[in-house]
């Protein structure tokens, strides 16, 4: 089930409404760190 551009815009708007534009960079950093940690732990045997 692919996610289209309209759905991405709606999700982004909801995230901005929930967290506010001031917390958005911190949230993005946290998500990026979590993704890196998850993918590095998935590569380990």
PDB file of N, CA and C in Angstrom:
ATOM      1  N   UNK A   1       0.847  -1.176   0.000  1.00  0.00           N
ATOM      2  CA  UNK A   1       0.000   0.000   0.000  1.00  0.00           C
ATOM      3  C   UNK A   1       0.893   1.240   0.000  1.00  0.00           C
ATOM      4  N   UNK A   2       1.151   1.793  -1.160  1.00  0.00           N
ATOM      5  CA  UNK A   2       2.041   2.957  -1.245  1.00  0.00           C
ATOM      6  C   UNK A   2       1.382   4.222  -0.688  1.00  0.00           C
ATOM      7  N   UNK A   3       2.224   5.086  -0.173  1.00  0.00           N
ATOM      8  CA  UNK A   3       1.748   6.356   0.374  1.00  0.00           C
ATOM      9  C   UNK A   3       1.992   7.434  -0.675  1.00  0.00           C
ATOM     10  N   UNK A   4       0.949   8.126  -1.048  1.00  0.00           N
ATOM     11  CA  UNK A   4       1.057   9.160  -2.062  1.00  0.00           C
ATOM     12  C   UNK A   4       1.422  10.505  -1.470  1.00  0.00           C
ATOM     13  N   UNK A   5       1.658  11.485  -2.325  1.00  0.00           N
ATOM     14  CA  UNK A   5       2.045  12.815  -1.853  1.00  0.00           C
ATOM     15  C   UNK A   5       0.949  13.504  -1.036  1.00  0.00           C
ATOM     16  N   UNK A   6      -0.298  13.246  -1.367  1.00  0.00           N
ATOM     17  CA  UNK A   6      -1.390  13.858  -0.611  1.00  0.00           C
ATOM     18  C   UNK A   6      -1.412  13.355   0.824  1.00  0.00           C
ATOM     19  N   UNK A   7      -1.227  12.052   0.985  1.00  0.00           N
ATOM     20  CA  UNK A   7      -1.205  11.484   2.332  1.00  0.00           C
ATOM     21  C   UNK A   7      -0.026  12.015   3.139  1.00  0.00           C
ATOM     22  N   UNK A   8       1.131  12.162   2.485  1.00  0.00           N
ATOM     23  CA  UNK A   8       2.314  12.685   3.177  1.00  0.00           C
ATOM     24  C   UNK A   8       2.081  14.119   3.649  1.00  0.00           C
ATOM     25  N   UNK A   9       1.431  14.932   2.839  1.00  0.00           N
ATOM     26  CA  UNK A   9       1.138  16.318   3.213  1.00  0.00           C
ATOM     27  C   UNK A   9       0.178  16.352   4.396  1.00  0.00           C
ATOM     28  N   UNK A  10      -0.820  15.488   4.374  1.00  0.00           N
ATOM     29  CA  UNK A  10      -1.782  15.436   5.479  1.00  0.00           C
ATOM     30  C   UNK A  10      -1.096  15.018   6.771  1.00  0.00           C
ATOM     31  N   UNK A  11      -0.248  13.992   6.704  1.00  0.00           N
ATOM     32  CA  UNK A  11       0.475  13.537   7.893  1.00  0.00           C
ATOM     33  C   UNK A  11       1.392  14.636   8.408  1.00  0.00           C
ATOM     34  N   UNK A  12       2.097  15.315   7.514  1.00  0.00           N
ATOM     35  CA  UNK A  12       2.986  16.406   7.915  1.00  0.00           C
ATOM     36  C   UNK A  12       2.205  17.535   8.585  1.00  0.00           C
ATOM     37  N   UNK A  13       1.037  17.871   8.053  1.00  0.00           N
ATOM     38  CA  UNK A  13       0.213  18.917   8.659  1.00  0.00           C
ATOM     39  C   UNK A  13      -0.248  18.514  10.056  1.00  0.00           C
ATOM     40  N   UNK A  14      -0.612  17.262  10.234  1.00  0.00           N
ATOM     41  CA  UNK A  14      -1.038  16.786  11.556  1.00  0.00           C
ATOM     42  C   UNK A  14       0.119  16.837  12.542  1.00  0.00           C
ATOM     43  N   UNK A  15       1.312  16.439  12.094  1.00  0.00           N
ATOM     44  CA  UNK A  15       2.491  16.471  12.969  1.00  0.00           C
ATOM     45  C   UNK A  15       2.803  17.900  13.392  1.00  0.00           C
ATOM     46  N   UNK A  16       2.720  18.843  12.458  1.00  0.00           N
ATOM     47  CA  UNK A  16       2.980  20.252  12.792  1.00  0.00           C
ATOM     48  C   UNK A  16       1.946  20.758  13.781  1.00  0.00           C
ATOM     49  N   UNK A  17       0.692  20.377  13.605  1.00  0.00           N
ATOM     50  CA  UNK A  17      -0.349  20.810  14.538  1.00  0.00           C
ATOM     51  C   UNK A  17      -0.149  20.210  15.927  1.00  0.00           C
ATOM     52  N   UNK A  18       0.274  18.947  15.981  1.00  0.00           N
ATOM     53  CA  UNK A  18       0.446  18.282  17.268  1.00  0.00           C
ATOM     54  C   UNK A  18       1.676  18.778  18.021  1.00  0.00           C
ATOM     55  N   UNK A  19       2.793  18.893  17.326  1.00  0.00           N
ATOM     56  CA  UNK A  19       4.051  19.190  18.000  1.00  0.00           C
ATOM     57  C   UNK A  19       4.467  20.648  17.895  1.00  0.00           C
ATOM     58  N   UNK A  20       3.903  21.396  16.987  1.00  0.00           N
ATOM     59  CA  UNK A  20       4.295  22.786  16.812  1.00  0.00           C
ATOM     60  C   UNK A  20       5.566  22.890  15.991  1.00  0.00           C
ATOM     61  N   UNK A  21       5.754  24.022  15.358  1.00  0.00           N
ATOM     62  CA  UNK A  21       6.898  24.180  14.465  1.00  0.00           C
ATOM     63  C   UNK A  21       8.208  24.328  15.224  1.00  0.00           C
ATOM     64  N   UNK A  22       8.161  24.675  16.508  1.00  0.00           N
ATOM     65  CA  UNK A  22       9.406  24.847  17.256  1.00  0.00           C
ATOM     66  C   UNK A  22      10.018  23.509  17.651  1.00  0.00           C
ATOM     67  N   UNK A  23       9.199  22.494  17.886  1.00  0.00           N
ATOM     68  CA  UNK A  23       9.709  21.183  18.291  1.00  0.00           C
ATOM     69  C   UNK A  23       9.992  20.273  17.102  1.00  0.00           C
ATOM     70  N   UNK A  24       9.642  20.708  15.896  1.00  0.00           N
ATOM     71  CA  UNK A  24       9.784  19.856  14.720  1.00  0.00           C
ATOM     72  C   UNK A  24      11.228  19.449  14.430  1.00  0.00           C
ATOM     73  N   UNK A  25      12.213  20.356  14.469  1.00  0.00           N
ATOM     74  CA  UNK A  25      13.598  19.921  14.220  1.00  0.00           C
ATOM     75  C   UNK A  25      14.090  18.892  15.233  1.00  0.00           C
ATOM     76  N   UNK A  26      13.747  19.077  16.491  1.00  0.00           N
ATOM     77  CA  UNK A  26      14.150  18.119  17.522  1.00  0.00           C
ATOM     78  C   UNK A  26      13.490  16.759  17.269  1.00  0.00           C
ATOM     79  N   UNK A  27      12.241  16.769  16.876  1.00  0.00           N
ATOM     80  CA  UNK A  27      11.532  15.531  16.577  1.00  0.00           C
ATOM     81  C   UNK A  27      12.162  14.820  15.382  1.00  0.00           C
ATOM     82  N   UNK A  28      12.515  15.576  14.348  1.00  0.00           N
ATOM     83  CA  UNK A  28      13.140  14.983  13.166  1.00  0.00           C
ATOM     84  C   UNK A  28      14.490  14.367  13.513  1.00  0.00           C
ATOM     85  N   UNK A  29      15.264  15.035  14.355  1.00  0.00           N
ATOM     86  CA  UNK A  29      16.551  14.481  14.795  1.00  0.00           C
ATOM     87  C   UNK A  29      16.350  13.176  15.546  1.00  0.00           C
ATOM     88  N   UNK A  30      15.380  13.154  16.428  1.00  0.00           N
ATOM     89  CA  UNK A  30      15.111  11.945  17.211  1.00  0.00           C
ATOM     90  C   UNK A  30      14.690  10.787  16.313  1.00  0.00           C
ATOM     91  N   UNK A  31      13.861  11.072  15.334  1.00  0.00           N
ATOM     92  CA  UNK A  31      13.415  10.028  14.410  1.00  0.00           C
ATOM     93  C   UNK A  31      14.597   9.519  13.585  1.00  0.00           C
ATOM     94  N   UNK A  32      15.459  10.426  13.129  1.00  0.00           N
ATOM     95  CA  UNK A  32      16.637  10.022  12.362  1.00  0.00           C
ATOM     96  C   UNK A  32      17.580   9.160  13.171  1.00  0.00           C
ATOM     97  N   UNK A  33      17.808   9.541  14.421  1.00  0.00           N
ATOM     98  CA  UNK A  33      18.678   8.747  15.291  1.00  0.00           C
ATOM     99  C   UNK A  33      18.080   7.363  15.533  1.00  0.00           C
ATOM    100  N   UNK A  34      16.785   7.300  15.729  1.00  0.00           N
ATOM    101  CA  UNK A  34      16.127   6.012  15.962  1.00  0.00           C
ATOM    102  C   UNK A  34      16.228   5.118  14.724  1.00  0.00           C
ATOM    103  N   UNK A  35      16.068   5.697  13.541  1.00  0.00           N
ATOM    104  CA  UNK A  35      16.185   4.912  12.308  1.00  0.00           C
ATOM    105  C   UNK A  35      17.591   4.369  12.136  1.00  0.00           C
ATOM    106  N   UNK A  36      18.601   5.229  12.392  1.00  0.00           N
ATOM    107  CA  UNK A  36      19.990   4.775  12.269  1.00  0.00           C
ATOM    108  C   UNK A  36      20.284   3.653  13.252  1.00  0.00           C
ATOM    109  N   UNK A  37      19.830   3.823  14.473  1.00  0.00           N
ATOM    110  CA  UNK A  37      20.068   2.801  15.495  1.00  0.00           C
ATOM    111  C   UNK A  37      19.366   1.495  15.136  1.00  0.00           C
ATOM    112  N   UNK A  38      18.156   1.592  14.642  1.00  0.00           N
ATOM    113  CA  UNK A  38      17.406   0.398  14.265  1.00  0.00           C
ATOM    114  C   UNK A  38      18.069  -0.326  13.100  1.00  0.00           C
ATOM    115  N   UNK A  39      18.493   0.411  12.076  1.00  0.00           N
ATOM    116  CA  UNK A  39      19.109  -0.249  10.927  1.00  0.00           C
ATOM    117  C   UNK A  39      20.482  -0.809  11.280  1.00  0.00           C
ATOM    118  N   UNK A  40      21.221  -0.154  12.170  1.00  0.00           N
ATOM    119  CA  UNK A  40      22.527  -0.698  12.556  1.00  0.00           C
ATOM    120  C   UNK A  40      22.354  -1.945  13.415  1.00  0.00           C
ATOM    121  N   UNK A  41      21.342  -1.984  14.250  1.00  0.00           N
ATOM    122  CA  UNK A  41      21.117  -3.183  15.061  1.00  0.00           C
ATOM    123  C   UNK A  41      20.552  -4.321  14.212  1.00  0.00           C
ATOM    124  N   UNK A  42      19.863  -4.009  13.141  1.00  0.00           N
ATOM    125  CA  UNK A  42      19.338  -5.046  12.253  1.00  0.00           C
ATOM    126  C   UNK A  42      20.466  -5.688  11.447  1.00  0.00           C
ATOM    127  N   UNK A  43      21.542  -4.944  11.179  1.00  0.00           N
ATOM    128  CA  UNK A  43      22.672  -5.478  10.419  1.00  0.00           C
ATOM    129  C   UNK A  43      23.554  -6.383  11.268  1.00  0.00           C
ATOM    130  N   UNK A  44      23.556  -6.202  12.581  1.00  0.00           N
ATOM    131  CA  UNK A  44      24.394  -7.015  13.454  1.00  0.00           C
ATOM    132  C   UNK A  44      23.852  -8.440  13.511  1.00  0.00           C
ATOM    133  N   UNK A  45      24.757  -9.426  13.547  1.00  0.00           N
ATOM    134  CA  UNK A  45      24.293 -10.832  13.585  1.00  0.00           C
ATOM    135  C   UNK A  45      23.674 -11.223  14.902  1.00  0.00           C
TER     136      UNK A  45
END
